Amino acid sequence: MIKLRKELFTLLLVVMAMCVTSCNSQHWELEKMVKQANDELPARFDFGIATSIECHDGMVIIHYTTDDELFPIGVLKNKGDIIKRAWKMSYFGQNQGGKNEVLDLILSSGYGLKAVFESEKTNDHIEVALNNDELKQAVKQPVGISEQLAIQMEITNASLPMQVDAVTTLLSTTIDGDYMTYNYEIDDSQLTIDEMENQRATYVDNIGRGLRDAMGDVQSSAGMFFKQVIKAGKGVRYRYKGKASGKTLDIDFTNAQLRQMVDKSLL
């Protein structure tokens, strides 16, 4: 009986040693892969630029710098969990494509994932994290296309209204049926909606050119957003409303028209 207990104890020690060796090996492999990923930075995302990545205290930590116009930390951190949702979207959205070996190793190593956001121009700072269980759940239930679009619009709306030029103010972005709509207010004491209607062809050409240029630039945050609009099955509408008259002018680009503007390989 004593001999059996000694053999069992010895076996347990061997198994424990194997587990420790395996865990250490995984952690070493993770740190190696994180270092390789770090060499590929900086990398641009919808909300900012990933500048560095490290392993620390059971977390893989990604550091970002953000542009306040695109991702106003000071405003967004008071808007519930929008920053965490936006970050999850960037990694766990539908149609992300490709195998993420770093993420797979993070999951198998029992690590969590943390993001540290620093404003490029202000002292605003925020950290969000997902533990290993939350990561596994996020992989199982990726953020849907419609929710991805809604999150990005929520981020945009957080920094509005915004004065575009002397006569134009962007008030909000909304979903109106088949369109993601930019809602502008026009100071029609300087420019009337009727005058804009007379120049409709010029507006269509200029806006269309801007859309093509943005979607053709893989580094463009606006281009990334418009591609998300396409994936969500929406078109883009620019709605101009006279501040005094209440008259409106809509410049529309259907989903089919947007798809014709962009290389399919970029979607």
Protein backbone atom coordinates (compact mmCIF):
# COMPACT_ATOMS: atom_id res chain seq x y z
CA MET A 1 0.00 0.00 0.00
CA ILE A 2 2.84 2.33 0.92
CA LYS A 3 4.65 1.41 -2.27
CA LEU A 4 1.51 2.09 -4.33
CA ARG A 5 1.13 5.50 -2.71
CA LYS A 6 4.78 6.30 -3.46
CA GLU A 7 4.30 5.29 -7.10
CA LEU A 8 1.15 7.39 -7.36
CA PHE A 9 2.93 10.35 -5.78
CA THR A 10 5.83 9.94 -8.20
CA LEU A 11 3.42 9.81 -11.14
CA LEU A 12 1.70 12.99 -9.97
CA LEU A 13 5.05 14.76 -9.74
CA VAL A 14 5.89 13.70 -13.30
CA VAL A 15 2.50 14.88 -14.61
CA MET A 16 2.84 18.20 -12.78
CA ALA A 17 6.35 18.66 -14.17
CA MET A 18 5.05 17.96 -17.68
CA CYS A 19 2.27 20.51 -17.21
CA VAL A 20 4.69 23.16 -15.93
CA THR A 21 7.05 22.49 -18.82
CA SER A 22 4.17 22.67 -21.29
CA CYS A 23 2.86 25.92 -19.81
CA ASN A 24 6.32 27.47 -19.74
CA SER A 25 6.82 26.38 -23.34
CA GLN A 26 3.52 27.95 -24.40
CA HIS A 27 4.32 31.18 -22.58
CA TRP A 28 7.76 31.29 -24.17
CA GLU A 29 6.19 30.69 -27.58
CA LEU A 30 3.65 33.43 -26.91
CA GLU A 31 6.33 35.93 -25.93
CA LYS A 32 8.28 34.98 -29.06
CA MET A 33 5.24 35.49 -31.27
CA VAL A 34 4.35 38.78 -29.54
CA LYS A 35 7.87 40.00 -30.22
CA GLN A 36 7.45 39.09 -33.90
CA ALA A 37 4.09 40.89 -34.00
CA ASN A 38 5.71 43.90 -32.36
CA ASP A 39 8.20 44.06 -35.22
CA GLU A 40 5.26 44.53 -37.63
CA LEU A 41 4.05 47.67 -35.85
CA PRO A 42 2.92 50.40 -36.18
CA ALA A 43 -0.39 49.27 -37.70
CA ARG A 44 -3.51 51.35 -38.35
CA PHE A 45 -6.98 50.47 -37.11
CA ASP A 46 -10.32 52.31 -37.37
CA PHE A 47 -9.74 54.01 -34.02
CA GLY A 48 -6.01 54.66 -34.05
CA ILE A 49 -2.52 53.25 -34.49
CA ALA A 50 -1.15 50.24 -32.61
CA THR A 51 2.37 51.25 -31.59
CA SER A 52 3.63 48.38 -29.42
CA ILE A 53 2.66 45.04 -27.86
CA GLU A 54 4.00 43.28 -24.76
CA CYS A 55 3.33 40.43 -22.30
CA HIS A 56 2.90 41.38 -18.63
CA ASP A 57 1.06 39.92 -15.61
CA GLY A 58 -0.91 37.35 -17.59
CA MET A 59 -1.98 39.89 -20.21
CA VAL A 60 -0.95 40.65 -23.75
CA ILE A 61 -1.01 44.44 -23.79
CA ILE A 62 -1.41 46.49 -26.96
CA HIS A 63 -0.61 50.21 -26.86
CA TYR A 64 -2.42 52.62 -29.17
CA THR A 65 -2.22 56.30 -30.00
CA THR A 66 -5.49 57.86 -31.13
CA ASP A 67 -6.60 60.90 -33.08
CA ASP A 68 -9.16 62.89 -31.08
CA GLU A 69 -11.12 63.71 -34.21
CA LEU A 70 -11.54 60.02 -35.01
CA PHE A 71 -11.61 58.57 -31.51
CA PRO A 72 -12.20 61.23 -28.80
CA ILE A 73 -11.20 59.34 -25.65
CA GLY A 74 -12.23 62.21 -23.36
CA VAL A 75 -15.81 62.01 -24.66
CA LEU A 76 -16.09 58.28 -25.32
CA LYS A 77 -14.92 57.13 -21.88
CA ASN A 78 -18.10 58.67 -20.46
CA LYS A 79 -20.27 56.80 -22.99
CA GLY A 80 -20.56 53.46 -21.24
CA ASP A 81 -18.59 50.58 -22.76
CA ILE A 82 -18.29 52.01 -26.29
CA ILE A 83 -14.45 51.93 -26.25
CA LYS A 84 -14.40 48.28 -25.20
CA ARG A 85 -17.03 47.42 -27.83
CA ALA A 86 -15.09 49.25 -30.54
CA TRP A 87 -11.90 47.45 -29.61
CA LYS A 88 -13.62 44.04 -29.55
CA MET A 89 -15.10 44.84 -32.95
CA SER A 90 -11.67 45.38 -34.46
CA TYR A 91 -10.54 41.88 -33.46
CA PHE A 92 -13.73 39.86 -33.27
CA GLY A 93 -15.95 41.27 -35.98
CA GLN A 94 -17.53 39.08 -38.63
CA ASN A 95 -15.61 38.87 -41.91
CA GLN A 96 -12.29 39.70 -40.28
CA GLY A 97 -10.78 36.81 -42.22
CA GLY A 98 -7.49 35.03 -41.80
CA LYS A 99 -6.10 32.89 -38.99
CA ASN A 100 -4.80 34.84 -36.01
CA GLU A 101 -1.97 32.73 -34.60
CA VAL A 102 -1.18 35.23 -31.85
CA LEU A 103 -4.80 35.19 -30.65
CA ASP A 104 -4.90 31.37 -30.76
CA LEU A 105 -1.77 31.22 -28.64
CA ILE A 106 -3.13 33.81 -26.20
CA LEU A 107 -6.24 31.68 -25.73
CA SER A 108 -4.35 28.41 -25.27
CA SER A 109 -1.86 30.04 -22.88
CA GLY A 110 -4.64 31.27 -20.58
CA TYR A 111 -3.71 34.91 -21.09
CA GLY A 112 -6.02 37.89 -21.39
CA LEU A 113 -5.83 40.85 -23.76
CA LYS A 114 -5.56 44.51 -22.74
CA ALA A 115 -5.64 47.71 -24.77
CA VAL A 116 -4.05 50.95 -23.59
CA PHE A 117 -5.26 54.04 -25.46
CA GLU A 118 -3.34 57.32 -25.35
CA SER A 119 -4.54 60.45 -27.11
CA GLU A 120 -2.04 61.82 -29.59
CA LYS A 121 -2.79 65.43 -28.67
CA THR A 122 -4.16 65.41 -25.11
CA ASN A 123 -3.44 63.61 -21.85
CA ASP A 124 -6.53 61.42 -22.16
CA HIS A 125 -5.81 57.79 -21.29
CA ILE A 126 -7.94 54.69 -20.86
CA GLU A 127 -7.36 50.96 -20.50
CA VAL A 128 -9.77 48.14 -21.29
CA ALA A 129 -9.22 44.42 -20.88
CA LEU A 130 -10.70 41.02 -21.68
CA ASN A 131 -9.77 38.05 -19.54
CA ASN A 132 -9.23 34.63 -21.10
CA ASP A 133 -12.86 33.55 -20.66
CA GLU A 134 -14.12 36.78 -22.23
CA LEU A 135 -11.76 36.27 -25.18
CA LYS A 136 -13.08 32.76 -25.77
CA GLN A 137 -16.66 34.07 -25.69
CA ALA A 138 -15.78 36.86 -28.13
CA VAL A 139 -14.32 34.33 -30.56
CA LYS A 140 -17.50 32.25 -30.38
CA GLN A 141 -19.79 35.25 -30.86
CA PRO A 142 -18.11 37.79 -33.19
CA VAL A 143 -19.62 41.25 -33.55
CA GLY A 144 -22.10 41.30 -36.44
CA ILE A 145 -21.71 43.61 -39.43
CA SER A 146 -24.70 45.78 -38.47
CA GLU A 147 -23.42 46.19 -34.92
CA GLN A 148 -19.95 47.06 -36.21
CA LEU A 149 -21.46 49.86 -38.29
CA ALA A 150 -23.58 51.06 -35.35
CA ILE A 151 -20.51 51.21 -33.08
CA GLN A 152 -18.55 53.26 -35.59
CA MET A 153 -21.47 55.65 -36.05
CA GLU A 154 -21.80 56.00 -32.27
CA ILE A 155 -18.13 57.00 -32.10
CA THR A 156 -18.65 59.56 -34.88
CA ASN A 157 -21.77 61.01 -33.26
CA ALA A 158 -19.95 61.44 -29.95
CA SER A 159 -17.85 64.24 -31.47
CA LEU A 160 -20.74 66.00 -33.27
CA PRO A 161 -21.94 68.60 -34.13
CA MET A 162 -18.91 69.65 -36.17
CA GLN A 163 -18.47 72.77 -38.26
CA VAL A 164 -17.34 71.61 -41.71
CA ASP A 165 -17.03 75.01 -43.35
CA ALA A 166 -18.51 78.51 -43.15
CA VAL A 167 -22.00 77.35 -44.19
CA THR A 168 -22.07 73.63 -43.33
CA THR A 169 -22.44 71.82 -39.99
CA LEU A 170 -22.50 68.04 -39.62
CA LEU A 171 -25.18 67.32 -37.02
CA SER A 172 -25.37 63.53 -36.90
CA THR A 173 -25.10 60.22 -38.72
CA THR A 174 -28.13 57.92 -38.84
CA ILE A 175 -29.40 54.78 -40.53
CA ASP A 176 -32.37 55.56 -42.79
CA GLY A 177 -33.62 52.43 -44.49
CA ASP A 178 -31.02 51.39 -47.06
CA TYR A 179 -28.72 54.34 -46.32
CA MET A 180 -26.18 55.45 -43.77
CA THR A 181 -27.00 59.16 -43.72
CA TYR A 182 -24.87 62.20 -42.98
CA ASN A 183 -27.21 64.93 -41.74
CA TYR A 184 -25.91 68.41 -42.52
CA GLU A 185 -27.32 71.81 -41.65
CA ILE A 186 -26.78 74.60 -44.20
CA ASP A 187 -26.74 78.27 -43.33
CA ASP A 188 -29.09 79.22 -46.12
CA SER A 189 -28.59 82.91 -45.50
CA GLN A 190 -25.29 82.29 -47.34
CA LEU A 191 -26.12 79.32 -49.57
CA THR A 192 -29.65 78.21 -50.39
CA ILE A 193 -30.76 74.63 -50.97
CA ASP A 194 -32.11 75.72 -54.37
CA GLU A 195 -28.64 76.93 -55.34
CA MET A 196 -27.20 73.60 -54.25
CA GLU A 197 -29.86 71.76 -56.27
CA ASN A 198 -28.80 73.67 -59.36
CA GLN A 199 -25.26 72.39 -58.77
CA ARG A 200 -26.31 68.81 -58.00
CA ALA A 201 -24.12 67.26 -60.72
CA THR A 202 -21.06 68.99 -59.30
CA TYR A 203 -21.82 67.76 -55.78
CA VAL A 204 -22.33 64.20 -57.07
CA ASP A 205 -19.00 64.27 -58.93
CA ASN A 206 -17.02 65.75 -56.05
CA ILE A 207 -18.48 63.49 -53.37
CA GLY A 208 -18.14 60.42 -55.59
CA ARG A 209 -14.48 61.22 -56.23
CA GLY A 210 -13.91 61.58 -52.49
CA LEU A 211 -15.53 58.21 -51.81
CA ARG A 212 -13.40 56.47 -54.44
CA ASP A 213 -10.19 58.03 -53.15
CA ALA A 214 -10.97 57.11 -49.53
CA MET A 215 -11.90 53.51 -50.28
CA GLY A 216 -8.86 53.08 -52.49
CA ASP A 217 -6.52 54.14 -49.68
CA VAL A 218 -5.88 51.19 -47.35
CA GLN A 219 -4.64 53.61 -44.66
CA SER A 220 -7.76 55.80 -44.73
CA SER A 221 -10.02 55.60 -41.66
CA ALA A 222 -12.86 57.06 -43.74
CA GLY A 223 -12.24 54.40 -46.38
CA MET A 224 -12.45 51.66 -43.74
CA PHE A 225 -15.75 53.09 -42.56
CA PHE A 226 -17.28 53.23 -46.04
CA LYS A 227 -16.24 49.62 -46.65
CA GLN A 228 -18.09 48.72 -43.45
CA VAL A 229 -21.15 50.51 -44.84
CA ILE A 230 -20.88 48.39 -47.99
CA LYS A 231 -20.55 45.13 -46.01
CA ALA A 232 -23.64 46.09 -44.01
CA GLY A 233 -25.57 46.33 -47.28
CA LYS A 234 -26.11 50.08 -47.04
CA GLY A 235 -25.58 53.01 -49.34
CA VAL A 236 -24.43 56.49 -48.31
CA ARG A 237 -26.73 59.53 -48.27
CA TYR A 238 -25.65 63.14 -47.82
CA ARG A 239 -28.68 65.10 -46.60
CA TYR A 240 -28.43 68.88 -46.57
CA LYS A 241 -31.12 70.86 -44.77
CA GLY A 242 -31.54 74.62 -44.81
CA LYS A 243 -31.36 76.07 -41.29
CA ALA A 244 -34.03 78.68 -41.96
CA SER A 245 -36.02 77.24 -44.87
CA GLY A 246 -36.14 73.59 -43.78
CA LYS A 247 -35.67 72.55 -47.42
CA THR A 248 -33.59 69.44 -48.02
CA LEU A 249 -31.31 68.06 -50.70
CA ASP A 250 -30.25 64.41 -50.77
CA ILE A 251 -27.18 63.17 -52.61
CA ASP A 252 -27.38 59.35 -52.67
CA PHE A 253 -24.97 56.57 -53.54
CA THR A 254 -26.58 53.13 -53.46
CA ASN A 255 -24.81 50.06 -52.14
CA ALA A 256 -24.41 48.82 -55.72
CA GLN A 257 -22.82 52.13 -56.78
CA LEU A 258 -20.41 52.03 -53.83
CA ARG A 259 -19.36 48.47 -54.71
CA GLN A 260 -18.51 49.63 -58.22
CA MET A 261 -16.20 52.28 -56.75
CA VAL A 262 -13.96 49.90 -54.80
CA ASP A 263 -11.70 47.01 -55.69
CA LYS A 264 -13.48 43.86 -54.46
CA SER A 265 -10.22 42.57 -53.01
CA LEU A 266 -10.28 45.46 -50.51
CA LEU A 267 -13.66 44.51 -49.06
